[in-house]
């Protein structure tokens, strides 16, 4: 299994576990509005990191195949628009979603990616 596939599956698994815990806490605790914002932020974060990984893989393959330094973009505008869509949902439904919690959810998958990378390096060093 290559490192990118390992990291992608671990990031998805850990994010789904975190989202499951958020969903359970959404049913248990009285602050559903804040948890809904956090869940939307984490979902957008997962989409953004998976999109970034895909675009980096494509850019690397094109650079290797053509040998040129000009590669396709990494989809920055698409990721920014996804964040804007999350905030538009929060603005459209202010009684259901707290937009401030979206800010806390956005870096979650990037933090998980760093943890998974450290975990992968530890596994590689042990073998």
N, C-alpha and C. Protein backbone atom coordinates (compact mmCIF):
# COMPACT_ATOMS: atom_id res chain seq x y z
N UNK A 1 0.86 -1.17 0.00
CA UNK A 1 0.00 0.00 0.00
C UNK A 1 0.90 1.24 0.00
N UNK A 2 0.65 2.14 -0.94
CA UNK A 2 1.47 3.33 -1.00
C UNK A 2 1.08 4.31 0.11
N UNK A 3 1.97 5.25 0.35
CA UNK A 3 1.78 6.15 1.49
C UNK A 3 0.57 7.07 1.31
N UNK A 4 0.31 7.51 0.08
CA UNK A 4 -0.83 8.39 -0.14
C UNK A 4 -2.15 7.68 0.13
N UNK A 5 -2.25 6.44 -0.31
CA UNK A 5 -3.47 5.66 -0.06
C UNK A 5 -3.65 5.39 1.44
N UNK A 6 -2.55 5.05 2.11
CA UNK A 6 -2.61 4.83 3.55
C UNK A 6 -3.09 6.07 4.29
N UNK A 7 -2.50 7.21 3.93
CA UNK A 7 -2.88 8.45 4.61
C UNK A 7 -4.32 8.84 4.30
N UNK A 8 -4.73 8.69 3.06
CA UNK A 8 -6.09 9.06 2.68
C UNK A 8 -7.12 8.21 3.42
N UNK A 9 -6.90 6.89 3.50
CA UNK A 9 -7.86 6.04 4.20
C UNK A 9 -7.88 6.33 5.70
N UNK A 10 -6.72 6.60 6.29
CA UNK A 10 -6.67 6.91 7.72
C UNK A 10 -7.34 8.26 8.03
N UNK A 11 -7.13 9.23 7.16
CA UNK A 11 -7.77 10.53 7.37
C UNK A 11 -9.28 10.40 7.27
N UNK A 12 -9.75 9.66 6.27
CA UNK A 12 -11.20 9.46 6.13
C UNK A 12 -11.75 8.71 7.34
N UNK A 13 -11.06 7.66 7.78
CA UNK A 13 -11.53 6.88 8.92
C UNK A 13 -11.59 7.71 10.20
N UNK A 14 -10.54 8.44 10.48
CA UNK A 14 -10.53 9.26 11.70
C UNK A 14 -11.54 10.40 11.64
N UNK A 15 -11.75 10.97 10.46
CA UNK A 15 -12.74 12.03 10.32
C UNK A 15 -14.15 11.49 10.47
N UNK A 16 -14.42 10.32 9.94
CA UNK A 16 -15.74 9.71 10.10
C UNK A 16 -16.00 9.38 11.57
N UNK A 17 -15.00 8.91 12.27
CA UNK A 17 -15.15 8.65 13.70
C UNK A 17 -15.45 9.95 14.44
N UNK A 18 -14.72 11.02 14.11
CA UNK A 18 -14.95 12.32 14.75
C UNK A 18 -16.35 12.85 14.43
N UNK A 19 -16.77 12.70 13.17
CA UNK A 19 -18.12 13.15 12.80
C UNK A 19 -19.20 12.32 13.49
N UNK A 20 -18.94 11.04 13.68
CA UNK A 20 -19.89 10.19 14.42
C UNK A 20 -20.03 10.65 15.86
N UNK A 21 -18.90 10.99 16.48
CA UNK A 21 -18.95 11.51 17.85
C UNK A 21 -19.70 12.84 17.91
N UNK A 22 -19.50 13.68 16.90
CA UNK A 22 -20.23 14.94 16.85
C UNK A 22 -21.73 14.71 16.67
N UNK A 23 -22.09 13.73 15.85
CA UNK A 23 -23.50 13.43 15.63
C UNK A 23 -24.16 12.91 16.90
N UNK A 24 -23.45 12.05 17.62
CA UNK A 24 -23.98 11.55 18.89
C UNK A 24 -24.13 12.69 19.89
N UNK A 25 -23.12 13.56 19.94
CA UNK A 25 -23.22 14.68 20.87
C UNK A 25 -24.30 15.67 20.45
N UNK A 26 -24.60 15.74 19.14
CA UNK A 26 -25.68 16.61 18.67
C UNK A 26 -27.02 16.15 19.24
N UNK A 27 -27.19 14.83 19.38
CA UNK A 27 -28.43 14.30 19.94
C UNK A 27 -28.47 14.42 21.47
N UNK A 28 -27.33 14.38 22.12
CA UNK A 28 -27.29 14.35 23.58
C UNK A 28 -27.30 15.75 24.20
N UNK A 29 -26.46 16.65 23.70
CA UNK A 29 -26.26 17.94 24.34
C UNK A 29 -27.20 19.00 23.79
N UNK A 30 -27.47 20.04 24.57
CA UNK A 30 -28.46 21.03 24.14
C UNK A 30 -27.95 22.07 23.14
N UNK A 31 -26.69 22.10 22.81
CA UNK A 31 -26.18 23.12 21.88
C UNK A 31 -26.01 22.55 20.48
N UNK A 32 -27.14 22.18 19.86
CA UNK A 32 -27.14 21.60 18.52
C UNK A 32 -26.64 22.59 17.47
N UNK A 33 -26.92 23.87 17.68
CA UNK A 33 -26.52 24.88 16.71
C UNK A 33 -24.99 24.93 16.55
N UNK A 34 -24.28 24.89 17.65
CA UNK A 34 -22.81 24.94 17.61
C UNK A 34 -22.24 23.65 17.01
N UNK A 35 -22.81 22.52 17.38
CA UNK A 35 -22.31 21.25 16.88
C UNK A 35 -22.59 21.12 15.38
N UNK A 36 -23.73 21.65 14.92
CA UNK A 36 -24.03 21.62 13.49
C UNK A 36 -23.01 22.43 12.71
N UNK A 37 -22.63 23.59 13.22
CA UNK A 37 -21.60 24.39 12.56
C UNK A 37 -20.26 23.69 12.52
N UNK A 38 -19.92 23.02 13.61
CA UNK A 38 -18.67 22.27 13.66
C UNK A 38 -18.69 21.11 12.67
N UNK A 39 -19.83 20.44 12.56
CA UNK A 39 -19.94 19.33 11.61
C UNK A 39 -19.81 19.82 10.18
N UNK A 40 -20.42 20.94 9.85
CA UNK A 40 -20.29 21.47 8.49
C UNK A 40 -18.84 21.85 8.21
N UNK A 41 -18.17 22.45 9.18
CA UNK A 41 -16.76 22.80 9.01
C UNK A 41 -15.88 21.58 8.79
N UNK A 42 -16.14 20.51 9.52
CA UNK A 42 -15.34 19.29 9.37
C UNK A 42 -15.61 18.64 8.02
N UNK A 43 -16.84 18.64 7.57
CA UNK A 43 -17.16 18.05 6.27
C UNK A 43 -16.49 18.83 5.14
N UNK A 44 -16.52 20.16 5.22
CA UNK A 44 -15.84 20.97 4.21
C UNK A 44 -14.33 20.75 4.30
N UNK A 45 -13.81 20.60 5.49
CA UNK A 45 -12.39 20.34 5.66
C UNK A 45 -11.99 19.00 5.03
N UNK A 46 -12.82 17.99 5.22
CA UNK A 46 -12.53 16.69 4.61
C UNK A 46 -12.56 16.78 3.10
N UNK A 47 -13.56 17.46 2.56
CA UNK A 47 -13.62 17.65 1.11
C UNK A 47 -12.37 18.38 0.61
N UNK A 48 -11.99 19.44 1.30
CA UNK A 48 -10.84 20.24 0.86
C UNK A 48 -9.55 19.45 0.88
N UNK A 49 -9.33 18.66 1.90
CA UNK A 49 -8.07 17.93 1.97
C UNK A 49 -8.04 16.78 0.96
N UNK A 50 -9.17 16.14 0.71
CA UNK A 50 -9.21 15.09 -0.31
C UNK A 50 -9.05 15.68 -1.70
N UNK A 51 -9.65 16.85 -1.93
CA UNK A 51 -9.50 17.52 -3.22
C UNK A 51 -8.05 17.97 -3.43
N UNK A 52 -7.43 18.48 -2.39
CA UNK A 52 -6.03 18.89 -2.49
C UNK A 52 -5.13 17.69 -2.79
N UNK A 53 -5.36 16.57 -2.13
CA UNK A 53 -4.54 15.37 -2.37
C UNK A 53 -4.71 14.89 -3.81
N UNK A 54 -5.93 14.92 -4.31
CA UNK A 54 -6.18 14.50 -5.68
C UNK A 54 -5.49 15.42 -6.67
N UNK A 55 -5.61 16.73 -6.46
CA UNK A 55 -5.01 17.68 -7.39
C UNK A 55 -3.47 17.61 -7.34
N UNK A 56 -2.90 17.37 -6.17
CA UNK A 56 -1.45 17.23 -6.08
C UNK A 56 -0.96 15.97 -6.79
N UNK A 57 -1.75 14.90 -6.68
CA UNK A 57 -1.39 13.66 -7.38
C UNK A 57 -1.43 13.87 -8.88
N UNK A 58 -2.47 14.55 -9.37
CA UNK A 58 -2.59 14.82 -10.81
C UNK A 58 -1.45 15.73 -11.27
N UNK A 59 -1.14 16.77 -10.50
CA UNK A 59 -0.06 17.68 -10.87
C UNK A 59 1.28 16.94 -10.91
N UNK A 60 1.51 16.04 -9.97
CA UNK A 60 2.74 15.26 -9.97
C UNK A 60 2.83 14.33 -11.16
N UNK A 61 1.72 13.68 -11.50
CA UNK A 61 1.72 12.78 -12.65
C UNK A 61 1.97 13.55 -13.95
N UNK A 62 1.36 14.73 -14.09
CA UNK A 62 1.57 15.53 -15.29
C UNK A 62 3.01 16.01 -15.36
N UNK A 63 3.58 16.42 -14.25
CA UNK A 63 4.97 16.89 -14.23
C UNK A 63 5.93 15.76 -14.60
N UNK A 64 5.65 14.57 -14.13
CA UNK A 64 6.52 13.43 -14.46
C UNK A 64 6.35 13.04 -15.92
N UNK A 65 5.11 13.03 -16.40
CA UNK A 65 4.85 12.59 -17.77
C UNK A 65 5.40 13.58 -18.80
N UNK A 66 5.23 14.85 -18.57
CA UNK A 66 5.65 15.85 -19.56
C UNK A 66 7.06 16.37 -19.32
N UNK A 67 7.51 16.34 -18.10
CA UNK A 67 8.84 16.85 -17.78
C UNK A 67 8.91 18.36 -17.70
N UNK A 68 7.78 19.02 -17.85
CA UNK A 68 7.79 20.49 -17.80
C UNK A 68 7.52 20.97 -16.38
N UNK A 69 7.88 22.21 -16.14
CA UNK A 69 7.65 22.78 -14.82
C UNK A 69 6.25 23.35 -14.68
N UNK A 70 5.55 23.57 -15.79
CA UNK A 70 4.19 24.07 -15.72
C UNK A 70 3.23 22.91 -15.50
N UNK A 71 2.57 22.94 -14.38
CA UNK A 71 1.61 21.89 -14.04
C UNK A 71 0.24 22.52 -13.84
N UNK A 72 -0.81 21.70 -13.89
CA UNK A 72 -2.14 22.26 -13.62
C UNK A 72 -2.24 22.76 -12.18
N UNK A 73 -3.19 23.64 -11.94
CA UNK A 73 -3.36 24.21 -10.61
C UNK A 73 -3.80 23.17 -9.60
N UNK A 74 -3.79 23.58 -8.34
CA UNK A 74 -4.17 22.65 -7.27
C UNK A 74 -5.59 22.89 -6.77
N UNK A 75 -6.37 23.70 -7.50
CA UNK A 75 -7.78 23.86 -7.18
C UNK A 75 -8.06 24.77 -6.00
N UNK A 76 -7.28 25.81 -5.86
CA UNK A 76 -7.45 26.71 -4.72
C UNK A 76 -8.81 27.40 -4.75
N UNK A 77 -9.26 27.83 -5.92
CA UNK A 77 -10.53 28.52 -6.03
C UNK A 77 -11.70 27.60 -5.66
N UNK A 78 -11.60 26.36 -6.04
CA UNK A 78 -12.65 25.40 -5.71
C UNK A 78 -12.76 25.22 -4.20
N UNK A 79 -11.64 25.15 -3.51
CA UNK A 79 -11.66 24.99 -2.06
C UNK A 79 -12.17 26.24 -1.37
N UNK A 80 -11.83 27.41 -1.89
CA UNK A 80 -12.34 28.66 -1.30
C UNK A 80 -13.85 28.75 -1.49
N UNK A 81 -14.33 28.38 -2.67
CA UNK A 81 -15.77 28.40 -2.92
C UNK A 81 -16.52 27.41 -2.02
N UNK A 82 -15.89 26.31 -1.71
CA UNK A 82 -16.52 25.34 -0.80
C UNK A 82 -16.67 25.94 0.60
N UNK A 83 -15.67 26.68 1.05
CA UNK A 83 -15.75 27.35 2.34
C UNK A 83 -16.84 28.42 2.31
N UNK A 84 -16.91 29.15 1.20
CA UNK A 84 -17.98 30.16 1.06
C UNK A 84 -19.35 29.51 1.08
N UNK A 85 -19.48 28.34 0.47
CA UNK A 85 -20.77 27.63 0.47
C UNK A 85 -21.17 27.24 1.89
N UNK A 86 -20.20 26.85 2.69
CA UNK A 86 -20.51 26.50 4.09
C UNK A 86 -21.02 27.72 4.84
N UNK A 87 -20.39 28.86 4.61
CA UNK A 87 -20.84 30.08 5.29
C UNK A 87 -22.18 30.56 4.75
N UNK A 88 -22.45 30.33 3.47
CA UNK A 88 -23.76 30.68 2.93
C UNK A 88 -24.86 29.83 3.56
N UNK A 89 -24.57 28.57 3.82
CA UNK A 89 -25.53 27.72 4.52
C UNK A 89 -25.78 28.26 5.92
N UNK A 90 -24.72 28.67 6.59
CA UNK A 90 -24.86 29.21 7.95
C UNK A 90 -25.63 30.52 7.95
N UNK A 91 -25.43 31.34 6.93
CA UNK A 91 -26.16 32.61 6.85
C UNK A 91 -27.62 32.36 6.49
N UNK A 92 -27.86 31.38 5.63
CA UNK A 92 -29.23 31.06 5.21
C UNK A 92 -30.05 30.48 6.36
N UNK A 93 -29.42 29.69 7.21
CA UNK A 93 -30.13 29.04 8.32
C UNK A 93 -29.47 29.41 9.66
N UNK A 94 -29.57 30.65 10.10
CA UNK A 94 -28.89 31.06 11.34
C UNK A 94 -29.49 30.42 12.59
N UNK A 95 -30.72 29.96 12.53
CA UNK A 95 -31.33 29.32 13.69
C UNK A 95 -30.88 27.87 13.85
N UNK A 96 -30.24 27.30 12.81
CA UNK A 96 -29.79 25.91 12.87
C UNK A 96 -28.27 25.76 12.96
N UNK A 97 -27.52 26.74 12.43
CA UNK A 97 -26.07 26.60 12.32
C UNK A 97 -25.39 27.85 12.87
N UNK A 98 -24.41 27.65 13.72
CA UNK A 98 -23.60 28.75 14.23
C UNK A 98 -22.38 28.91 13.32
N UNK A 99 -22.29 30.05 12.64
CA UNK A 99 -21.23 30.23 11.66
C UNK A 99 -19.85 30.31 12.30
N UNK A 100 -19.77 30.70 13.57
CA UNK A 100 -18.46 30.80 14.22
C UNK A 100 -17.83 29.43 14.42
N UNK A 101 -18.66 28.41 14.58
CA UNK A 101 -18.12 27.07 14.79
C UNK A 101 -17.58 26.46 13.50
N UNK A 102 -17.99 27.01 12.36
CA UNK A 102 -17.43 26.53 11.10
C UNK A 102 -15.93 26.82 11.07
N UNK A 103 -15.52 27.97 11.63
CA UNK A 103 -14.10 28.30 11.71
C UNK A 103 -13.32 27.25 12.49
N UNK A 104 -13.92 26.70 13.52
CA UNK A 104 -13.23 25.67 14.31
C UNK A 104 -13.18 24.33 13.59
N UNK A 105 -14.14 24.07 12.73
CA UNK A 105 -14.17 22.80 12.02
C UNK A 105 -13.27 22.75 10.80
N UNK A 106 -12.94 23.89 10.23
CA UNK A 106 -12.15 23.90 9.00
C UNK A 106 -10.75 23.32 9.13
N UNK A 107 -10.00 23.55 10.20
CA UNK A 107 -8.65 22.97 10.24
C UNK A 107 -8.57 21.54 10.79
N UNK A 108 -9.69 20.93 11.11
CA UNK A 108 -9.66 19.62 11.77
C UNK A 108 -8.97 18.57 10.91
N UNK A 109 -9.33 18.46 9.64
CA UNK A 109 -8.72 17.42 8.80
C UNK A 109 -7.25 17.69 8.51
N UNK A 110 -6.86 18.95 8.50
CA UNK A 110 -5.44 19.26 8.32
C UNK A 110 -4.64 18.82 9.55
N UNK A 111 -5.22 18.98 10.73
CA UNK A 111 -4.58 18.51 11.96
C UNK A 111 -4.52 16.98 11.95
N UNK A 112 -5.60 16.35 11.52
CA UNK A 112 -5.62 14.89 11.42
C UNK A 112 -4.57 14.42 10.41
N UNK A 113 -4.39 15.15 9.32
CA UNK A 113 -3.39 14.77 8.32
C UNK A 113 -1.98 14.82 8.90
N UNK A 114 -1.69 15.82 9.71
CA UNK A 114 -0.38 15.90 10.35
C UNK A 114 -0.19 14.72 11.30
N UNK A 115 -1.20 14.39 12.07
CA UNK A 115 -1.12 13.26 12.99
C UNK A 115 -0.91 11.96 12.23
N UNK A 116 -1.64 11.77 11.13
CA UNK A 116 -1.50 10.55 10.32
C UNK A 116 -0.11 10.48 9.70
N UNK A 117 0.42 11.60 9.26
CA UNK A 117 1.76 11.61 8.68
C UNK A 117 2.81 11.22 9.73
N UNK A 118 2.68 11.76 10.93
CA UNK A 118 3.60 11.37 12.00
C UNK A 118 3.47 9.89 12.33
N UNK A 119 2.24 9.39 12.33
CA UNK A 119 1.97 7.98 12.58
C UNK A 119 2.61 7.12 11.49
N UNK A 120 2.47 7.54 10.23
CA UNK A 120 3.05 6.80 9.12
C UNK A 120 4.57 6.79 9.19
N UNK A 121 5.17 7.92 9.55
CA UNK A 121 6.63 7.97 9.67
C UNK A 121 7.13 7.07 10.80
N UNK A 122 6.36 7.00 11.86
CA UNK A 122 6.73 6.11 12.98
C UNK A 122 6.66 4.65 12.56
N UNK A 123 5.64 4.31 11.77
CA UNK A 123 5.52 2.94 11.27
C UNK A 123 6.68 2.61 10.32
N UNK A 124 7.02 3.56 9.45
CA UNK A 124 8.14 3.34 8.52
C UNK A 124 9.47 3.17 9.24
N UNK A 125 9.68 3.93 10.31
CA UNK A 125 10.95 3.85 11.04
C UNK A 125 11.08 2.55 11.81
N UNK A 126 9.95 1.97 12.20
CA UNK A 126 9.99 0.72 12.96
C UNK A 126 10.23 -0.49 12.07
N UNK A 127 9.95 -0.37 10.76
CA UNK A 127 10.15 -1.52 9.88
C UNK A 127 11.44 -1.45 9.13
